[in-house]
Amino acid sequence: MVTTKMAKQTGEVLIK
């Protein structure tokens, strides 16, 4: 799902 990919990317940015 695209949503999962976007959520994962957002999570990485938030962690950084």
PDB file of N, CA and C in Angstrom:
ATOM      1  N   MET A   1       0.852  -1.204   0.000  1.00  0.00           N
ATOM      2  CA  MET A   1       0.000   0.000   0.000  1.00  0.00           C
ATOM      3  C   MET A   1       0.889   1.256   0.000  1.00  0.00           C
ATOM      4  N   VAL A   2       0.492   2.247  -0.730  1.00  0.00           N
ATOM      5  CA  VAL A   2       1.269   3.491  -0.774  1.00  0.00           C
ATOM      6  C   VAL A   2       1.262   4.151   0.599  1.00  0.00           C
ATOM      7  N   THR A   3       0.131   4.052   1.311  1.00  0.00           N
ATOM      8  CA  THR A   3       0.022   4.690   2.635  1.00  0.00           C
ATOM      9  C   THR A   3       1.103   4.160   3.558  1.00  0.00           C
ATOM     10  N   THR A   4       1.322   2.848   3.526  1.00  0.00           N
ATOM     11  CA  THR A   4       2.342   2.255   4.407  1.00  0.00           C
ATOM     12  C   THR A   4       3.713   2.829   4.074  1.00  0.00           C
ATOM     13  N   LYS A   5       4.001   2.944   2.794  1.00  0.00           N
ATOM     14  CA  LYS A   5       5.301   3.470   2.374  1.00  0.00           C
ATOM     15  C   LYS A   5       5.455   4.918   2.850  1.00  0.00           C
ATOM     16  N   MET A   6       4.410   5.712   2.659  1.00  0.00           N
ATOM     17  CA  MET A   6       4.463   7.113   3.077  1.00  0.00           C
ATOM     18  C   MET A   6       4.635   7.210   4.587  1.00  0.00           C
ATOM     19  N   ALA A   7       3.895   6.392   5.321  1.00  0.00           N
ATOM     20  CA  ALA A   7       3.981   6.414   6.790  1.00  0.00           C
ATOM     21  C   ALA A   7       5.387   6.056   7.227  1.00  0.00           C
ATOM     22  N   LYS A   8       5.982   5.069   6.591  1.00  0.00           N
ATOM     23  CA  LYS A   8       7.346   4.652   6.951  1.00  0.00           C
ATOM     24  C   LYS A   8       8.323   5.795   6.669  1.00  0.00           C
ATOM     25  N   GLN A   9       8.169   6.447   5.517  1.00  0.00           N
ATOM     26  CA  GLN A   9       9.055   7.559   5.172  1.00  0.00           C
ATOM     27  C   GLN A   9       8.886   8.693   6.185  1.00  0.00           C
ATOM     28  N   THR A  10       7.643   9.010   6.523  1.00  0.00           N
ATOM     29  CA  THR A  10       7.386  10.088   7.482  1.00  0.00           C
ATOM     30  C   THR A  10       7.996   9.743   8.821  1.00  0.00           C
ATOM     31  N   GLY A  11       7.869   8.494   9.238  1.00  0.00           N
ATOM     32  CA  GLY A  11       8.418   8.061  10.518  1.00  0.00           C
ATOM     33  C   GLY A  11       9.921   8.261  10.531  1.00  0.00           C
ATOM     34  N   GLU A  12      10.574   7.932   9.435  1.00  0.00           N
ATOM     35  CA  GLU A  12      12.035   8.093   9.369  1.00  0.00           C
ATOM     36  C   GLU A  12      12.395   9.573   9.517  1.00  0.00           C
ATOM     37  N   VAL A  13      11.673  10.428   8.846  1.00  0.00           N
ATOM     38  CA  VAL A  13      11.962  11.867   8.911  1.00  0.00           C
ATOM     39  C   VAL A  13      11.743  12.361  10.340  1.00  0.00           C
ATOM     40  N   LEU A  14      10.660  11.906  10.978  1.00  0.00           N
ATOM     41  CA  LEU A  14      10.367  12.350  12.344  1.00  0.00           C
ATOM     42  C   LEU A  14      11.466  11.895  13.290  1.00  0.00           C
ATOM     43  N   ILE A  15      11.931  10.655  13.101  1.00  0.00           N
ATOM     44  CA  ILE A  15      12.987  10.123  13.978  1.00  0.00           C
ATOM     45  C   ILE A  15      14.259  10.967  13.811  1.00  0.00           C
ATOM     46  N   LYS A  16      14.552  11.328  12.566  1.00  0.00           N
ATOM     47  CA  LYS A  16      15.752  12.129  12.305  1.00  0.00           C
ATOM     48  C   LYS A  16      15.508  13.548  12.788  1.00  0.00           C
TER      49      LYS A  16
END
